[in-house]
Protein backbone atom coordinates (compact mmCIF):
# COMPACT_ATOMS: atom_id res chain seq x y z
CA THR A 1 61.67 -56.96 -4.26
CA ILE A 2 59.70 -54.82 -1.63
CA CYS A 3 59.86 -55.33 2.64
CA ALA A 4 57.14 -54.68 5.04
CA LYS A 5 57.75 -51.69 7.35
CA VAL A 6 55.80 -49.79 9.96
CA ASN A 7 55.00 -46.50 8.91
CA PRO A 8 55.84 -43.59 11.46
CA ARG A 9 52.37 -42.30 10.74
CA LEU A 10 51.76 -45.37 12.44
CA LEU A 11 52.68 -43.36 16.11
CA THR A 12 50.24 -40.22 15.37
CA LYS A 13 47.49 -42.72 15.76
CA ALA A 14 48.52 -44.18 18.99
CA ASP A 15 45.79 -42.03 21.16
CA ARG A 16 43.59 -44.31 18.91
CA LEU A 17 44.58 -47.17 18.40
CA PHE A 18 45.08 -49.24 21.76
CA THR A 19 42.39 -47.31 24.34
CA GLY A 20 39.92 -50.40 24.42
CA THR A 21 38.45 -51.05 27.35
CA ALA A 22 38.74 -49.71 31.36
CA GLU A 23 39.01 -54.06 31.40
CA GLY A 24 41.45 -54.43 28.82
CA ARG A 25 43.61 -51.70 30.52
CA ILE A 26 43.15 -53.61 34.15
CA ILE A 27 44.60 -56.57 32.41
CA GLU A 28 47.24 -54.88 30.40
CA ILE A 29 48.43 -53.31 33.50
CA LEU A 30 48.63 -56.75 36.07
CA GLN A 31 50.05 -58.56 32.75
CA ASN A 32 53.37 -56.27 32.77
CA ALA A 33 53.36 -56.06 36.42
CA ARG A 34 53.44 -60.04 36.86
CA ARG A 35 55.93 -59.81 33.96
CA ALA A 36 58.33 -57.68 36.24
CA GLY A 37 58.43 -60.26 38.58
CA ALA A 38 55.66 -58.23 41.33
CA THR A 39 54.23 -60.32 43.57
CA GLU A 40 52.15 -57.55 44.88
CA VAL A 41 49.97 -55.02 43.09
CA ARG A 42 48.69 -52.35 45.22
CA ILE A 43 45.52 -50.35 43.32
CA THR A 44 44.13 -47.23 44.96
CA ASN A 45 41.79 -44.77 43.80
CA LYS A 46 42.20 -41.41 44.86
CA ASP A 47 41.23 -37.79 43.94
CA GLY A 48 40.03 -38.61 40.66
CA TYR A 49 43.26 -40.75 39.77
CA VAL A 50 44.20 -44.23 39.81
CA ILE A 51 47.33 -45.14 41.30
CA VAL A 52 48.85 -48.46 40.21
CA GLU A 53 52.38 -49.62 42.56
CA ASP A 54 54.02 -53.12 42.13
CA ASN A 55 57.06 -54.46 43.91
CA GLY A 56 58.50 -55.70 40.11
CA SER A 57 62.20 -55.22 38.92
CA GLY A 58 61.33 -51.72 37.91
CA ILE A 59 62.23 -49.79 34.70
CA ALA A 60 66.26 -49.85 33.68
CA ASP A 61 65.67 -48.53 30.13
CA PHE A 62 62.28 -45.88 30.14
CA GLN A 63 62.94 -45.61 26.31
CA LYS A 64 61.15 -48.83 26.20
CA LEU A 65 57.97 -47.47 27.40
CA LEU A 66 57.52 -45.61 24.54
CA ASP A 67 58.87 -48.18 22.00
CA LEU A 68 55.69 -49.07 20.30
CA GLY A 69 55.92 -52.97 19.88
CA GLY A 70 58.88 -53.82 21.27
CA SER A 71 58.04 -55.13 24.63
CA GLY A 72 61.68 -55.24 26.31
CA TRP A 73 61.31 -58.11 27.86
CA ASP A 74 63.97 -60.89 28.10
CA GLU A 75 64.28 -63.72 25.33
CA LYS A 76 62.60 -66.06 27.98
CA MET A 77 59.83 -63.93 28.58
CA GLU A 78 59.25 -63.57 24.76
CA ALA A 79 59.61 -67.04 24.17
CA SER A 80 56.72 -68.12 26.49
CA GLU A 81 54.34 -65.60 26.34
CA ASP A 82 54.63 -63.49 23.25
CA PRO A 83 54.20 -60.20 24.96
CA ALA A 84 52.93 -57.51 22.05
CA GLY A 85 54.65 -54.61 23.31
CA VAL A 86 51.53 -52.27 23.71
CA GLY A 87 50.83 -52.81 27.43
CA LEU A 88 51.57 -49.19 28.48
CA PHE A 89 49.89 -47.87 25.07
CA SER A 90 46.87 -49.34 26.52
CA LEU A 91 46.57 -45.92 28.51
CA ALA A 92 47.00 -43.70 25.72
CA PRO A 93 45.66 -40.83 24.94
CA ARG A 94 46.18 -40.44 29.09
CA GLU A 95 48.64 -38.08 31.13
CA VAL A 96 50.40 -41.00 32.77
CA THR A 97 53.03 -40.46 35.66
CA ILE A 98 55.38 -43.38 35.80
CA GLN A 99 58.04 -43.59 38.40
CA SER A 100 60.70 -46.02 38.94
CA GLY A 101 63.84 -46.53 41.03
CA ASN A 102 64.96 -42.57 40.88
CA GLN A 103 63.64 -41.70 37.70
CA ARG A 104 59.97 -40.17 36.95
CA ILE A 105 58.25 -39.43 33.54
CA VAL A 106 55.01 -37.72 32.38
CA ILE A 107 53.38 -38.93 28.94
CA GLY A 108 50.68 -36.61 27.58
CA LYS A 109 49.12 -37.03 24.70
CA ASP A 110 51.71 -35.60 22.14
CA GLY A 111 54.22 -37.85 24.16
CA TRP A 112 52.15 -41.10 23.34
CA MET A 113 52.63 -39.84 19.59
CA GLY A 114 56.17 -39.29 19.17
CA LYS A 115 57.04 -35.68 21.16
CA PRO A 116 60.01 -36.31 23.43
CA VAL A 117 59.40 -36.90 26.71
CA THR A 118 61.78 -35.57 29.76
CA ILE A 119 62.88 -38.20 32.02
CA GLU A 120 63.64 -36.31 35.49
CA LEU A 121 65.31 -37.70 38.56
CA VAL A 122 64.16 -37.78 41.92
CA GLN A 123 65.66 -37.89 45.23
CA ASP A 124 63.05 -40.51 47.12
CA ALA A 125 63.93 -43.38 44.63
CA ILE A 126 61.49 -46.66 45.17
CA ASN A 127 61.51 -50.40 44.53
CA GLY A 128 59.33 -51.60 41.67
CA THR A 129 57.01 -49.12 39.84
CA VAL A 130 54.15 -46.67 40.52
CA LEU A 131 51.72 -45.86 37.55
CA LYS A 132 49.40 -42.82 38.18
CA PHE A 133 46.62 -41.52 35.74
CA LYS A 134 42.66 -40.52 35.43
CA ASP A 135 40.39 -43.48 33.91
CA GLU A 136 36.94 -42.98 32.73
CA LYS A 137 35.76 -44.98 36.46
CA PRO A 138 37.46 -46.24 39.34
CA TRP A 139 39.54 -49.54 39.30
CA ASP A 140 36.86 -51.04 41.86
CA LEU A 141 37.41 -54.53 43.60
CA LYS A 142 35.24 -56.59 41.41
CA THR A 143 36.30 -55.40 37.94
CA VAL A 144 39.81 -55.80 39.16
CA GLU A 145 39.28 -59.28 40.90
CA LYS A 146 37.85 -60.97 37.87
CA HIS A 147 40.76 -60.07 36.13
CA ALA A 148 43.42 -60.93 39.01
CA VAL A 149 41.88 -63.91 40.73
CA PHE A 150 43.91 -66.52 38.18
CA ALA A 151 46.82 -64.19 38.09
CA GLY A 152 48.82 -65.58 40.89
CA ASN A 153 49.81 -62.64 42.69
CA LYS A 154 48.51 -60.82 45.13
CA VAL A 155 46.20 -57.78 44.43
CA VAL A 156 44.93 -55.35 46.70
CA VAL A 157 42.49 -52.83 45.95
CA ASP A 158 41.32 -49.73 48.27
CA GLY A 159 42.91 -51.66 51.07
CA GLU A 160 41.08 -55.21 50.09
CA SER A 161 42.50 -58.09 48.70
CA CYS A 162 41.19 -59.68 45.91
CA GLN A 163 40.92 -63.66 45.75
CA SER A 164 43.46 -65.50 44.25
CA ILE A 165 42.97 -69.14 43.42
CA PRO A 166 44.17 -72.13 41.53
CA PHE A 167 42.74 -72.13 37.94
CA CYS A 168 42.57 -75.89 37.62
CA SER A 169 42.61 -78.67 40.54
CA GLU A 170 45.33 -80.81 41.57
CA GLN A 171 43.90 -83.64 39.45
CA ALA A 172 44.72 -81.13 35.79
CA ALA A 173 46.96 -83.64 33.40
CA TYR A 174 49.83 -81.82 32.63
CA TYR A 175 51.37 -81.90 29.01
CA ASP A 176 54.84 -80.37 28.16
CA ASN A 177 53.83 -79.62 24.52
CA PRO A 178 51.97 -77.38 23.81
CA GLY A 179 52.66 -76.35 27.72
CA CYS A 180 49.58 -76.20 29.61
CA ARG A 181 47.40 -78.33 32.28
CA ILE A 182 44.03 -79.69 31.33
CA ASP A 183 41.16 -80.56 33.31
CA VAL A 184 37.59 -81.72 33.05
CA VAL A 185 35.52 -81.00 35.79
CA GLN A 186 31.79 -80.80 36.22
CA ASP A 187 31.51 -78.09 38.91
CA VAL A 188 33.46 -74.79 38.21
CA THR A 189 33.90 -71.38 40.91
CA SER A 190 31.48 -68.55 40.41
CA TYR A 191 35.08 -66.72 39.34
CA HIS A 192 35.19 -69.12 36.23
CA LYS A 193 31.47 -68.49 35.22
CA GLU A 194 32.25 -64.98 34.92
CA TRP A 195 33.86 -65.93 31.80
CA LEU A 196 31.23 -68.39 30.73
CA THR A 197 28.56 -67.22 27.95
CA GLY A 198 26.16 -68.78 26.40
CA TRP A 199 23.48 -71.56 27.88
CA TYR A 200 23.43 -74.24 25.60
CA SER A 201 26.92 -75.26 24.38
CA ASN A 202 30.02 -76.32 26.14
CA LYS A 203 32.88 -73.96 26.35
CA VAL A 204 36.65 -74.57 27.09
CA LEU A 205 37.99 -71.73 28.97
CA VAL A 206 42.00 -70.84 28.99
CA ASN A 207 43.83 -69.07 31.12
CA PHE A 208 46.65 -67.89 29.61
CA HIS A 209 49.12 -66.36 32.44
CA GLY A 210 45.96 -64.35 34.02
CA GLN A 211 43.97 -63.31 30.90
CA ILE A 212 40.97 -65.71 30.32
CA VAL A 213 40.36 -66.50 26.81
CA GLN A 214 37.17 -69.05 25.30
CA LEU A 215 38.06 -71.32 23.23
CA GLU A 216 35.58 -72.52 20.38
CA HIS A 217 35.99 -76.00 20.47
CA TRP A 218 34.65 -78.96 21.68
CA PRO A 219 36.26 -82.46 20.81
CA CYS A 220 32.79 -83.93 20.19
CA GLN A 221 28.96 -83.85 19.50
CA SER A 222 27.72 -84.48 22.53
CA HIS A 223 27.88 -81.91 25.56
CA PRO A 224 27.55 -83.58 29.17
CA SER A 225 27.52 -81.33 32.25
CA VAL A 226 31.16 -80.88 32.41
CA ASN A 227 33.60 -77.90 31.76
CA ILE A 228 37.11 -77.73 30.04
CA LEU A 229 39.66 -75.91 32.03
CA ILE A 230 43.36 -74.80 30.26
CA ASP A 231 45.95 -73.42 32.23
CA ILE A 232 49.09 -72.25 30.53
CA THR A 233 51.42 -72.39 33.46
CA GLY A 234 55.10 -72.23 31.70
CA PRO A 235 56.69 -71.85 28.09
CA THR A 236 54.12 -72.37 25.38
CA SER A 237 54.06 -72.16 21.57
CA ILE A 238 50.25 -71.33 21.96
CA ARG A 239 49.90 -67.93 20.90
CA LEU A 240 47.10 -64.87 21.64
CA MET A 241 45.70 -63.17 18.31
CA LEU A 242 46.73 -59.62 18.31
CA PRO A 243 46.01 -57.03 19.07
CA ALA A 244 42.78 -57.57 21.40
CA ARG A 245 44.22 -61.33 22.50
CA THR A 246 40.93 -62.66 22.90
CA GLN A 247 41.69 -65.86 20.84
CA LEU A 248 43.91 -68.25 20.07
CA VAL A 249 46.05 -68.35 17.14
CA GLU A 250 45.31 -71.54 14.89
CA ASN A 251 49.07 -72.73 14.74
CA ASP A 252 50.78 -76.18 15.48
CA ALA A 253 50.38 -75.71 19.25
CA TYR A 254 46.50 -74.85 18.82
CA GLU A 255 46.04 -78.50 17.21
CA ARG A 256 48.06 -80.06 19.81
CA LEU A 257 45.84 -78.80 22.18
CA LYS A 258 42.80 -79.85 20.69
CA ALA A 259 44.34 -83.09 20.65
CA ALA A 260 44.99 -83.11 24.24
CA ILE A 261 41.44 -82.10 25.35
CA GLU A 262 39.87 -84.63 23.36
CA LEU A 263 42.16 -87.17 25.23
CA GLU A 264 41.45 -86.12 28.64
CA PHE A 265 38.04 -85.59 27.43
CA TYR A 266 37.20 -89.09 26.72
CA ARG A 267 39.66 -90.03 29.62
CA TYR A 268 37.20 -87.84 31.76
CA VAL A 269 34.12 -89.98 30.31
CA GLN A 270 35.76 -93.06 31.14
CA LYS A 271 36.10 -93.23 35.06
CA GLN A 272 32.49 -91.96 34.88
CA LYS A 273 29.75 -94.96 36.05
CA SER A 274 27.85 -93.94 32.24
CA HIS A 275 27.61 -92.20 29.84
CA THR A 276 25.25 -90.68 26.70
CA LEU A 277 27.93 -90.24 24.24
CA LEU A 278 27.23 -90.93 20.46
CA TYR A 279 28.47 -94.40 19.24
CA SER A 280 30.69 -92.92 17.10
CA GLU A 281 32.30 -91.10 19.94
CA TYR A 282 32.08 -94.58 21.24
CA LEU A 283 34.40 -95.69 18.42
CA ARG A 284 36.77 -92.53 18.73
CA ALA A 285 37.40 -93.29 22.20
CA LYS A 286 38.49 -96.62 20.99
CA GLU A 287 40.37 -95.69 18.36
CA LEU A 288 42.50 -93.40 20.89
CA GLY A 289 43.15 -96.28 23.26
CA ILE A 290 40.03 -95.41 25.79
CA GLU A 291 37.54 -98.41 26.54
CA LEU A 292 34.28 -96.86 27.66
CA PRO A 293 31.30 -98.70 28.74
CA GLU A 294 28.31 -98.97 26.39
CA ALA A 295 26.61 -95.83 26.62
CA GLU A 296 23.15 -95.52 28.54
CA PRO A 297 20.11 -95.69 25.90
CA GLN A 298 18.07 -92.33 25.32
CA PHE A 299 14.35 -92.08 24.22
């Protein structure tokens, strides 16, 4: 028999594996802060450095910061969000100073690749966590706000607060399995539109605990001027593809999600005074127990 394993050589390439983009680093760091229970994140650009401070639970075990693939979160968080354990590695190979409580470390390029990193004790203990590093460009308000607006916590950039709004309306339907709220709406905010690409086909947007994913699925052939919003609100079996996490894994939960999207789409059409769906779609709605009026003729 043979078994899968992770070769230690992988660690020597950490400075090239997870660098990604500035936006990728922003979402990873904001996600880490939120998972730590932070209600507020403050980002400051000063003297070429990006400083990120949060009021979360802090870091109890600094070793877990450099445990590639080991997220360090509790079982509840593992089950609900399936963290990949590469969040801090998104900052490699930059030199990063991290302080939490009365402990501080400085991770250099060699530290990301396996060289021992010394933990030093400091007199002035802090609550939460502070990161300090250099990036290619400052983390400006507009860029951060795009990733913070639907995250649910307060994010401040250089003293100015990012907008924070609900992803779905109060009319959104809740589905316990797979764990989400679904909203079919005609109009969306400018913040939603930031994530919509392509002018000639409808898209479904998924808010996965603050990370927005565009779903390449539409419940029928017709394309009325509506938008479908999916808000992951708690424990869910929906999963994101690794390592980029820009699309959903096509598992059983994904199939249940598609079925729920179809139901909510036809229920939305049912509430309208008229529609222009195909006859086959009219019949499909009927199969689902949704009676639609006859379609308006199209010439």
